[in-house]
Amino acid sequence: MQSFENLIRATANELSAIFSPLRGKLRGDGDARRGQIAQLLGVNPAQLVSGVGFNVELPRIPDLPKFMGFASREALLAERNYFFIHDRYRALSISNVVEIYAALGRSGGAAGEWSDLVMSRLNNIEAQLEETINPVLIGGYKLEVRAVYEHRLASASLINTRLDANYAVLRDITNESMLMLEIRAVAPGAFLRHPGVSIDEKARGVFQNLIPRGEVEAYLSERPDGDPDGRLRAALRDS
């Protein structure tokens, strides 16, 4: 029996060793074949496709997609992306999702390479959050957003989008704006000047010492009307 972690972290040799004993035991193709493989390995089909599909070593085993019942590697990746975008902690647990973000971080590509995929998944989760108050969904979502930033998967474009005023409520749920400052995904000066960032977020960043005093003073000097209620100045005094 295998775990999702074994599939997504395995080296090329280890992946081959996992699948080699299954040769001769499988019948059919497509979903039916993957269902058999998943059952034999002790995972579900979404975990099988995602674990193998997000494994950075997959390109070194060119015959594995066809062994799993796919017409091509591209077909495997398309199904992998579908599972990742649309699953809401059912077939893929939050620990599986965090493992996927870790694998993307290990892939060595630029953050922008994965931005569309990450945003598509987050948008899908957020649409569900707007429909219902689900503590399990909210808890997973918080861990997931943190993983995006901890594994350096947030491109400049993604960060700019997430700082839009339309995301303010969602940022408050996850403390996302403070995460951005904490890992230096956004420059403090740019954060202060972004039109979508609320005065509450700016003051929180100052109070938590995530925005240097000099940056705040320069911002207030440049924009005397940028602190109408005095919250930034109060945060400076209290930090």
Protein backbone atom coordinates (compact mmCIF):
# COMPACT_ATOMS: atom_id res chain seq x y z
CA MET A 1 0.00 0.00 0.00
CA GLN A 2 1.17 3.50 -0.80
CA SER A 3 0.37 6.98 0.50
CA PHE A 4 -0.21 10.16 -1.45
CA GLU A 5 3.04 11.49 -0.01
CA ASN A 6 4.94 8.49 -1.39
CA LEU A 7 3.57 9.12 -4.89
CA ILE A 8 4.25 12.84 -5.05
CA ARG A 9 7.69 12.75 -3.38
CA ALA A 10 9.09 9.61 -5.04
CA THR A 11 12.18 9.68 -7.22
CA ALA A 12 11.89 8.29 -10.75
CA ASN A 13 13.36 4.97 -9.58
CA GLU A 14 10.98 4.83 -6.62
CA LEU A 15 7.98 5.58 -8.87
CA SER A 16 9.01 2.77 -11.20
CA ALA A 17 9.33 0.44 -8.22
CA ILE A 18 5.82 1.35 -7.06
CA PHE A 19 4.20 0.56 -10.42
CA SER A 20 6.32 -2.36 -11.66
CA PRO A 21 4.59 -5.00 -9.46
CA LEU A 22 1.24 -4.04 -11.04
CA ARG A 23 2.21 -5.14 -14.56
CA GLY A 24 0.07 -8.04 -15.70
CA LYS A 25 -2.56 -7.41 -12.99
CA LEU A 26 -4.56 -4.72 -14.82
CA ARG A 27 -7.43 -4.95 -17.28
CA GLY A 28 -9.08 -2.32 -19.46
CA ASP A 29 -8.10 1.28 -19.99
CA GLY A 30 -8.99 4.83 -18.98
CA ASP A 31 -10.89 5.40 -15.73
CA ALA A 32 -11.38 1.69 -15.13
CA ARG A 33 -7.65 1.03 -15.29
CA ARG A 34 -6.88 3.94 -12.97
CA GLY A 35 -9.53 2.70 -10.57
CA GLN A 36 -7.79 -0.67 -10.40
CA ILE A 37 -4.38 0.94 -9.87
CA ALA A 38 -5.71 3.21 -7.14
CA GLN A 39 -7.32 0.30 -5.33
CA LEU A 40 -4.16 -1.81 -5.52
CA LEU A 41 -2.03 1.07 -4.20
CA GLY A 42 -4.47 2.08 -1.46
CA VAL A 43 -5.31 5.59 -2.69
CA ASN A 44 -8.28 7.08 -4.54
CA PRO A 45 -8.16 7.99 -8.27
CA ALA A 46 -7.76 11.72 -7.62
CA GLN A 47 -4.82 11.03 -5.30
CA LEU A 48 -3.29 8.68 -7.86
CA VAL A 49 -3.51 11.15 -10.75
CA SER A 50 -2.49 14.15 -8.66
CA GLY A 51 0.34 12.39 -6.84
CA VAL A 52 1.89 11.13 -10.07
CA GLY A 53 0.94 14.19 -12.11
CA PHE A 54 2.53 16.70 -9.74
CA ASN A 55 5.63 14.59 -9.09
CA VAL A 56 8.56 16.55 -10.55
CA GLU A 57 10.15 13.27 -11.72
CA LEU A 58 7.26 12.28 -13.99
CA PRO A 59 8.99 13.43 -17.23
CA ARG A 60 11.72 10.86 -16.56
CA ILE A 61 9.20 8.00 -16.91
CA PRO A 62 7.62 8.65 -20.33
CA ASP A 63 5.66 5.38 -20.45
CA LEU A 64 3.92 5.86 -17.08
CA PRO A 65 0.93 7.92 -18.35
CA LYS A 66 0.02 5.21 -20.87
CA PHE A 67 0.46 2.52 -18.21
CA MET A 68 -2.10 4.47 -16.15
CA GLY A 69 -4.55 4.43 -19.05
CA PHE A 70 -3.97 7.89 -20.52
CA ALA A 71 -3.50 8.53 -24.23
CA SER A 72 -0.58 10.88 -23.47
CA ARG A 73 1.23 12.76 -20.74
CA GLU A 74 -0.78 15.86 -21.69
CA ALA A 75 -4.01 13.98 -21.01
CA LEU A 76 -2.73 13.00 -17.56
CA LEU A 77 -1.80 16.62 -16.79
CA ALA A 78 -5.21 17.85 -17.93
CA GLU A 79 -6.98 15.44 -15.58
CA ARG A 80 -4.53 16.30 -12.81
CA ASN A 81 -5.38 19.99 -13.20
CA TYR A 82 -9.11 19.28 -13.24
CA PHE A 83 -8.93 17.35 -9.96
CA PHE A 84 -6.78 20.03 -8.35
CA ILE A 85 -8.98 22.95 -9.40
CA HIS A 86 -12.35 21.41 -8.57
CA ASP A 87 -11.79 19.25 -5.48
CA ARG A 88 -12.92 20.82 -2.21
CA TYR A 89 -11.08 18.67 0.36
CA ARG A 90 -13.09 15.58 -0.53
CA ALA A 91 -10.92 13.31 -2.68
CA LEU A 92 -7.85 15.43 -1.89
CA SER A 93 -7.39 16.29 1.78
CA ILE A 94 -5.88 19.60 2.86
CA SER A 95 -2.64 17.76 3.65
CA ASN A 96 -2.64 16.44 0.05
CA VAL A 97 -3.19 19.96 -1.28
CA VAL A 98 -0.35 21.35 0.85
CA GLU A 99 1.89 18.55 -0.49
CA ILE A 100 0.98 19.64 -4.02
CA TYR A 101 2.01 23.22 -3.29
CA ALA A 102 5.27 21.93 -1.83
CA ALA A 103 5.88 19.92 -5.02
CA LEU A 104 5.18 22.99 -7.16
CA GLY A 105 7.67 24.90 -5.05
CA ARG A 106 10.27 22.18 -5.65
CA SER A 107 9.68 22.19 -9.39
CA GLY A 108 12.14 25.03 -9.89
CA GLY A 109 9.89 27.05 -12.21
CA ALA A 110 9.03 30.71 -11.79
CA ALA A 111 6.02 31.53 -9.61
CA GLY A 112 4.17 32.78 -12.67
CA GLU A 113 4.29 29.30 -14.19
CA TRP A 114 1.64 28.11 -11.74
CA SER A 115 -0.31 31.34 -11.13
CA ASP A 116 -3.28 30.51 -13.37
CA LEU A 117 -3.66 27.06 -11.84
CA VAL A 118 -3.39 28.39 -8.28
CA MET A 119 -5.85 31.23 -8.92
CA SER A 120 -8.33 28.88 -10.57
CA ARG A 121 -8.28 26.61 -7.52
CA LEU A 122 -8.54 29.47 -5.01
CA ASN A 123 -11.42 31.02 -6.95
CA ASN A 124 -13.27 27.70 -6.85
CA ILE A 125 -12.80 27.34 -3.09
CA GLU A 126 -13.81 30.96 -2.54
CA ALA A 127 -17.00 30.51 -4.56
CA GLN A 128 -17.96 27.74 -2.15
CA LEU A 129 -17.09 29.92 0.85
CA GLU A 130 -19.53 32.54 -0.39
CA GLU A 131 -22.31 29.95 -0.56
CA THR A 132 -21.99 28.45 2.91
CA ILE A 133 -20.22 28.90 6.25
CA ASN A 134 -18.31 25.66 6.56
CA PRO A 135 -15.66 25.52 9.33
CA VAL A 136 -13.83 22.63 7.65
CA LEU A 137 -13.68 24.51 4.34
CA ILE A 138 -12.52 27.71 6.05
CA GLY A 139 -9.82 25.85 8.01
CA GLY A 140 -8.50 24.17 4.88
CA TYR A 141 -8.62 27.42 2.92
CA LYS A 142 -6.51 29.21 5.55
CA LEU A 143 -3.83 26.49 5.44
CA GLU A 144 -3.92 26.48 1.66
CA VAL A 145 -3.39 30.23 1.26
CA ARG A 146 -0.46 30.09 3.67
CA ALA A 147 1.07 27.24 1.63
CA VAL A 148 0.85 29.32 -1.57
CA TYR A 149 3.03 32.01 -0.02
CA GLU A 150 5.34 29.76 1.99
CA HIS A 151 6.26 27.85 -1.18
CA ARG A 152 6.81 31.09 -3.16
CA LEU A 153 4.07 30.39 -5.69
CA ALA A 154 2.59 33.89 -5.71
CA SER A 155 3.68 35.81 -8.80
CA ALA A 156 3.62 39.62 -8.92
CA SER A 157 0.46 39.43 -11.00
CA LEU A 158 -1.26 37.11 -8.53
CA ILE A 159 -0.30 39.34 -5.60
CA ASN A 160 -1.59 42.44 -7.35
CA THR A 161 -4.88 40.66 -8.01
CA ARG A 162 -5.17 39.41 -4.43
CA LEU A 163 -4.60 42.94 -3.09
CA ASP A 164 -7.62 44.25 -4.99
CA ALA A 165 -10.36 45.67 -2.77
CA ASN A 166 -12.71 42.89 -3.95
CA TYR A 167 -10.55 40.39 -2.03
CA ALA A 168 -10.48 42.37 1.22
CA VAL A 169 -12.92 40.12 3.11
CA LEU A 170 -11.11 36.98 1.96
CA ARG A 171 -7.75 38.48 2.98
CA ASP A 172 -9.15 39.08 6.46
CA ILE A 173 -10.23 35.42 6.74
CA THR A 174 -6.71 34.15 6.07
CA ASN A 175 -4.59 37.10 7.26
CA GLU A 176 -3.28 37.02 3.70
CA SER A 177 -2.00 40.58 3.52
CA MET A 178 0.17 40.02 6.59
CA LEU A 179 1.46 36.78 5.03
CA MET A 180 2.52 38.75 1.97
CA LEU A 181 4.49 41.16 4.14
CA GLU A 182 5.86 38.42 6.38
CA ILE A 183 7.51 36.51 3.52
CA ARG A 184 8.31 39.72 1.61
CA ALA A 185 6.12 38.81 -1.34
CA VAL A 186 5.23 42.50 -1.58
CA ALA A 187 7.41 45.51 -0.80
CA PRO A 188 6.14 47.50 2.21
CA GLY A 189 6.07 50.73 0.19
CA ALA A 190 4.05 49.11 -2.58
CA PHE A 191 1.70 47.64 0.02
CA LEU A 192 1.07 51.04 1.59
CA ARG A 193 0.36 52.60 -1.79
CA HIS A 194 -1.81 49.85 -3.26
CA PRO A 195 -5.34 51.23 -3.79
CA GLY A 196 -6.97 47.96 -2.73
CA VAL A 197 -5.33 47.78 0.71
CA SER A 198 -7.50 49.06 3.54
CA ILE A 199 -6.29 51.45 6.24
CA ASP A 200 -6.92 48.66 8.78
CA GLU A 201 -4.49 46.36 6.93
CA LYS A 202 -1.88 49.10 6.70
CA ALA A 203 -2.18 49.84 10.43
CA ARG A 204 -1.99 46.12 11.26
CA GLY A 205 1.19 45.80 9.19
CA VAL A 206 2.74 48.74 11.02
CA PHE A 207 1.69 47.49 14.45
CA GLN A 208 3.14 44.02 13.73
CA ASN A 209 6.43 45.62 12.64
CA LEU A 210 6.05 44.25 9.11
CA ILE A 211 6.30 47.73 7.62
CA PRO A 212 9.41 49.73 8.61
CA ARG A 213 8.86 53.08 10.32
CA GLY A 214 10.77 54.89 7.58
CA GLU A 215 8.41 53.54 4.91
CA VAL A 216 5.39 54.78 6.85
CA GLU A 217 6.90 58.21 7.42
CA ALA A 218 7.77 58.51 3.72
CA TYR A 219 4.23 57.47 2.79
CA LEU A 220 2.65 60.01 5.15
CA SER A 221 4.96 62.74 3.93
CA GLU A 222 4.01 61.96 0.35
CA ARG A 223 0.31 61.61 1.14
CA PRO A 224 -0.68 63.78 4.10
CA ASP A 225 -4.32 62.74 3.62
CA GLY A 226 -3.41 59.02 3.60
CA ASP A 227 -4.22 58.57 7.31
CA PRO A 228 -7.49 60.45 7.85
CA ASP A 229 -8.34 58.75 11.16
CA GLY A 230 -4.79 58.70 12.51
CA ARG A 231 -4.62 54.92 12.68
CA LEU A 232 -1.22 54.67 10.99
CA ARG A 233 0.27 57.23 13.35
CA ALA A 234 -1.29 55.44 16.31
CA ALA A 235 0.16 52.14 15.10
CA LEU A 236 3.58 53.79 14.83
CA ARG A 237 3.34 54.96 18.42
CA ASP A 238 2.23 51.55 19.68
CA SER A 239 4.61 49.37 17.65
